[in-house]
Amino acid sequence: MAEKFIVLPYRKVRGNLVPGEMRQASNAVSAEKIAGAMASRFAGVAAYAVEVDEESGDMTSPRLLAQFGEIAELLSS
């Protein structure tokens, strides 16, 4: 397992929050900066630290680092 940092933007589609394209960041500080820079273009943006199984690519144990605007709950596997 390895810790990875991701940024996930959300758009509103017919009143529902829909996740956009996930971006990877090199560290927690970078993820927070990217999320902040993207915040004005989306309904919400979240930066997460997640555990990734290097063999399967499965992501678990999401930990919210930063939130801007509205975000949906990220389900943990």
N, C-alpha and C. Protein backbone atom coordinates (compact mmCIF):
# COMPACT_ATOMS: atom_id res chain seq x y z
N MET A 1 0.84 -1.19 0.00
CA MET A 1 0.00 0.00 0.00
C MET A 1 0.88 1.25 0.00
N ALA A 2 0.44 2.24 -0.74
CA ALA A 2 1.16 3.51 -0.81
C ALA A 2 0.15 4.65 -0.62
N GLU A 3 0.60 5.74 0.00
CA GLU A 3 -0.28 6.90 0.15
C GLU A 3 -0.13 7.78 -1.09
N LYS A 4 -1.27 8.15 -1.67
CA LYS A 4 -1.30 9.03 -2.84
C LYS A 4 -2.17 10.22 -2.50
N PHE A 5 -1.99 11.29 -3.24
CA PHE A 5 -2.75 12.52 -3.01
C PHE A 5 -3.52 12.85 -4.28
N ILE A 6 -4.83 13.03 -4.14
CA ILE A 6 -5.67 13.31 -5.30
C ILE A 6 -6.52 14.55 -5.07
N VAL A 7 -6.89 15.17 -6.18
CA VAL A 7 -7.77 16.33 -6.17
C VAL A 7 -8.97 15.97 -7.03
N LEU A 8 -10.17 16.17 -6.50
CA LEU A 8 -11.39 15.78 -7.19
C LEU A 8 -12.34 16.97 -7.27
N PRO A 9 -12.59 17.47 -8.49
CA PRO A 9 -13.54 18.57 -8.65
C PRO A 9 -14.97 18.04 -8.78
N TYR A 10 -15.95 18.84 -8.43
CA TYR A 10 -17.37 18.47 -8.55
C TYR A 10 -18.11 19.56 -9.31
N ARG A 11 -19.00 19.13 -10.20
CA ARG A 11 -19.89 20.04 -10.93
C ARG A 11 -21.32 19.73 -10.53
N LYS A 12 -22.19 20.72 -10.69
CA LYS A 12 -23.61 20.48 -10.47
C LYS A 12 -24.24 20.14 -11.81
N VAL A 13 -24.92 18.99 -11.86
CA VAL A 13 -25.65 18.56 -13.04
C VAL A 13 -27.06 18.22 -12.61
N ARG A 14 -28.01 19.01 -13.07
CA ARG A 14 -29.42 18.84 -12.70
C ARG A 14 -29.61 18.79 -11.19
N GLY A 15 -28.90 19.65 -10.50
CA GLY A 15 -29.03 19.77 -9.05
C GLY A 15 -28.23 18.76 -8.25
N ASN A 16 -27.54 17.84 -8.91
CA ASN A 16 -26.73 16.85 -8.22
C ASN A 16 -25.25 17.12 -8.41
N LEU A 17 -24.45 16.81 -7.40
CA LEU A 17 -23.00 16.95 -7.53
C LEU A 17 -22.44 15.74 -8.25
N VAL A 18 -21.65 16.01 -9.29
CA VAL A 18 -21.06 14.94 -10.10
C VAL A 18 -19.55 15.13 -10.09
N PRO A 19 -18.78 14.07 -9.76
CA PRO A 19 -17.33 14.21 -9.74
C PRO A 19 -16.76 14.37 -11.15
N GLY A 20 -15.73 15.19 -11.25
CA GLY A 20 -15.04 15.40 -12.51
C GLY A 20 -13.81 14.52 -12.59
N GLU A 21 -12.87 14.92 -13.44
CA GLU A 21 -11.66 14.15 -13.63
C GLU A 21 -10.70 14.33 -12.45
N MET A 22 -10.28 13.20 -11.88
CA MET A 22 -9.38 13.21 -10.75
C MET A 22 -7.98 13.60 -11.20
N ARG A 23 -7.30 14.41 -10.38
CA ARG A 23 -5.90 14.77 -10.64
C ARG A 23 -5.05 14.28 -9.50
N GLN A 24 -3.86 13.83 -9.81
CA GLN A 24 -2.94 13.38 -8.77
C GLN A 24 -1.98 14.51 -8.43
N ALA A 25 -1.59 14.57 -7.16
CA ALA A 25 -0.62 15.57 -6.70
C ALA A 25 0.56 14.83 -6.07
N SER A 26 1.69 15.51 -5.98
CA SER A 26 2.90 14.87 -5.47
C SER A 26 2.95 14.79 -3.94
N ASN A 27 2.23 15.69 -3.27
CA ASN A 27 2.21 15.67 -1.80
C ASN A 27 0.96 16.40 -1.31
N ALA A 28 0.75 16.38 0.00
CA ALA A 28 -0.46 16.98 0.58
C ALA A 28 -0.54 18.49 0.33
N VAL A 29 0.56 19.18 0.48
CA VAL A 29 0.57 20.64 0.28
C VAL A 29 0.22 20.97 -1.17
N SER A 30 0.79 20.23 -2.10
CA SER A 30 0.51 20.43 -3.52
C SER A 30 -0.97 20.15 -3.82
N ALA A 31 -1.54 19.11 -3.23
CA ALA A 31 -2.95 18.78 -3.45
C ALA A 31 -3.84 19.92 -2.97
N GLU A 32 -3.54 20.48 -1.81
CA GLU A 32 -4.33 21.60 -1.29
C GLU A 32 -4.21 22.83 -2.19
N LYS A 33 -3.01 23.10 -2.70
CA LYS A 33 -2.82 24.26 -3.59
C LYS A 33 -3.57 24.07 -4.90
N ILE A 34 -3.51 22.88 -5.47
CA ILE A 34 -4.22 22.60 -6.72
C ILE A 34 -5.72 22.76 -6.51
N ALA A 35 -6.24 22.20 -5.41
CA ALA A 35 -7.67 22.31 -5.12
C ALA A 35 -8.08 23.78 -4.98
N GLY A 36 -7.29 24.55 -4.28
CA GLY A 36 -7.60 25.98 -4.12
C GLY A 36 -7.61 26.73 -5.43
N ALA A 37 -6.67 26.40 -6.31
CA ALA A 37 -6.58 27.06 -7.62
C ALA A 37 -7.76 26.68 -8.51
N MET A 38 -8.31 25.48 -8.34
CA MET A 38 -9.43 25.02 -9.16
C MET A 38 -10.78 25.47 -8.62
N ALA A 39 -10.84 25.91 -7.38
CA ALA A 39 -12.09 26.16 -6.68
C ALA A 39 -13.04 27.12 -7.39
N SER A 40 -12.53 28.14 -8.04
CA SER A 40 -13.41 29.13 -8.68
C SER A 40 -14.10 28.59 -9.93
N ARG A 41 -13.62 27.48 -10.48
CA ARG A 41 -14.19 26.93 -11.71
C ARG A 41 -15.18 25.79 -11.50
N PHE A 42 -15.39 25.38 -10.25
CA PHE A 42 -16.24 24.23 -9.96
C PHE A 42 -17.18 24.52 -8.80
N ALA A 43 -18.25 23.72 -8.66
CA ALA A 43 -19.17 23.85 -7.53
C ALA A 43 -18.44 23.51 -6.24
N GLY A 44 -17.46 22.62 -6.34
CA GLY A 44 -16.66 22.23 -5.19
C GLY A 44 -15.43 21.49 -5.63
N VAL A 45 -14.40 21.49 -4.79
CA VAL A 45 -13.16 20.77 -5.06
C VAL A 45 -12.67 20.22 -3.73
N ALA A 46 -12.19 18.97 -3.75
CA ALA A 46 -11.66 18.35 -2.53
C ALA A 46 -10.29 17.77 -2.81
N ALA A 47 -9.42 17.86 -1.81
CA ALA A 47 -8.10 17.22 -1.86
C ALA A 47 -8.12 16.09 -0.84
N TYR A 48 -7.67 14.92 -1.26
CA TYR A 48 -7.68 13.74 -0.40
C TYR A 48 -6.32 13.08 -0.38
N ALA A 49 -6.04 12.40 0.74
CA ALA A 49 -4.94 11.43 0.82
C ALA A 49 -5.63 10.08 0.83
N VAL A 50 -5.18 9.16 -0.01
CA VAL A 50 -5.79 7.83 -0.09
C VAL A 50 -4.71 6.76 -0.05
N GLU A 51 -5.07 5.59 0.42
CA GLU A 51 -4.18 4.43 0.38
C GLU A 51 -4.46 3.70 -0.93
N VAL A 52 -3.41 3.40 -1.68
CA VAL A 52 -3.56 2.74 -2.97
C VAL A 52 -2.81 1.41 -2.95
N ASP A 53 -3.53 0.35 -3.33
CA ASP A 53 -2.90 -0.96 -3.49
C ASP A 53 -2.16 -0.91 -4.82
N GLU A 54 -0.84 -0.97 -4.78
CA GLU A 54 -0.01 -0.81 -5.98
C GLU A 54 -0.28 -1.89 -7.03
N GLU A 55 -0.69 -3.08 -6.60
CA GLU A 55 -0.94 -4.16 -7.54
C GLU A 55 -2.28 -4.03 -8.24
N SER A 56 -3.34 -3.76 -7.48
CA SER A 56 -4.68 -3.71 -8.06
C SER A 56 -5.12 -2.31 -8.47
N GLY A 57 -4.50 -1.28 -7.86
CA GLY A 57 -4.91 0.10 -8.13
C GLY A 57 -6.10 0.54 -7.30
N ASP A 58 -6.60 -0.32 -6.41
CA ASP A 58 -7.74 0.02 -5.57
C ASP A 58 -7.36 1.10 -4.57
N MET A 59 -8.28 2.07 -4.39
CA MET A 59 -8.06 3.15 -3.44
C MET A 59 -8.94 2.93 -2.22
N THR A 60 -8.38 3.09 -1.01
CA THR A 60 -9.13 2.95 0.23
C THR A 60 -8.72 4.03 1.21
N SER A 61 -9.44 4.11 2.30
CA SER A 61 -9.14 5.01 3.41
C SER A 61 -8.95 6.47 2.99
N PRO A 62 -9.94 7.06 2.29
CA PRO A 62 -9.78 8.47 1.92
C PRO A 62 -9.79 9.37 3.15
N ARG A 63 -8.87 10.32 3.16
CA ARG A 63 -8.77 11.30 4.26
C ARG A 63 -8.82 12.68 3.63
N LEU A 64 -9.83 13.46 3.99
CA LEU A 64 -10.02 14.79 3.42
C LEU A 64 -8.93 15.73 3.93
N LEU A 65 -8.22 16.35 3.00
CA LEU A 65 -7.16 17.32 3.35
C LEU A 65 -7.67 18.75 3.27
N ALA A 66 -8.48 19.04 2.25
CA ALA A 66 -9.00 20.39 2.05
C ALA A 66 -10.29 20.31 1.24
N GLN A 67 -11.19 21.24 1.52
CA GLN A 67 -12.46 21.29 0.81
C GLN A 67 -12.78 22.73 0.45
N PHE A 68 -13.22 22.93 -0.79
CA PHE A 68 -13.65 24.24 -1.26
C PHE A 68 -15.02 24.05 -1.88
N GLY A 69 -16.03 24.78 -1.40
CA GLY A 69 -17.37 24.66 -1.95
C GLY A 69 -18.03 23.35 -1.53
N GLU A 70 -19.00 22.92 -2.35
CA GLU A 70 -19.77 21.71 -2.06
C GLU A 70 -19.08 20.48 -2.63
N ILE A 71 -19.01 19.43 -1.83
CA ILE A 71 -18.46 18.17 -2.32
C ILE A 71 -19.38 17.04 -1.90
N ALA A 72 -19.31 15.93 -2.60
CA ALA A 72 -20.07 14.74 -2.24
C ALA A 72 -19.20 13.89 -1.32
N GLU A 73 -19.85 13.02 -0.57
CA GLU A 73 -19.10 12.13 0.32
C GLU A 73 -18.35 11.11 -0.54
N LEU A 74 -17.08 10.93 -0.25
CA LEU A 74 -16.27 9.94 -0.96
C LEU A 74 -16.35 8.65 -0.17
N LEU A 75 -16.85 7.61 -0.81
CA LEU A 75 -17.04 6.34 -0.11
C LEU A 75 -15.74 5.59 0.02
N SER A 76 -15.52 5.03 1.19
CA SER A 76 -14.32 4.24 1.45
C SER A 76 -14.60 2.77 1.17
N SER A 77 -13.64 2.10 0.52
CA SER A 77 -13.82 0.67 0.23
C SER A 77 -13.48 -0.14 1.45
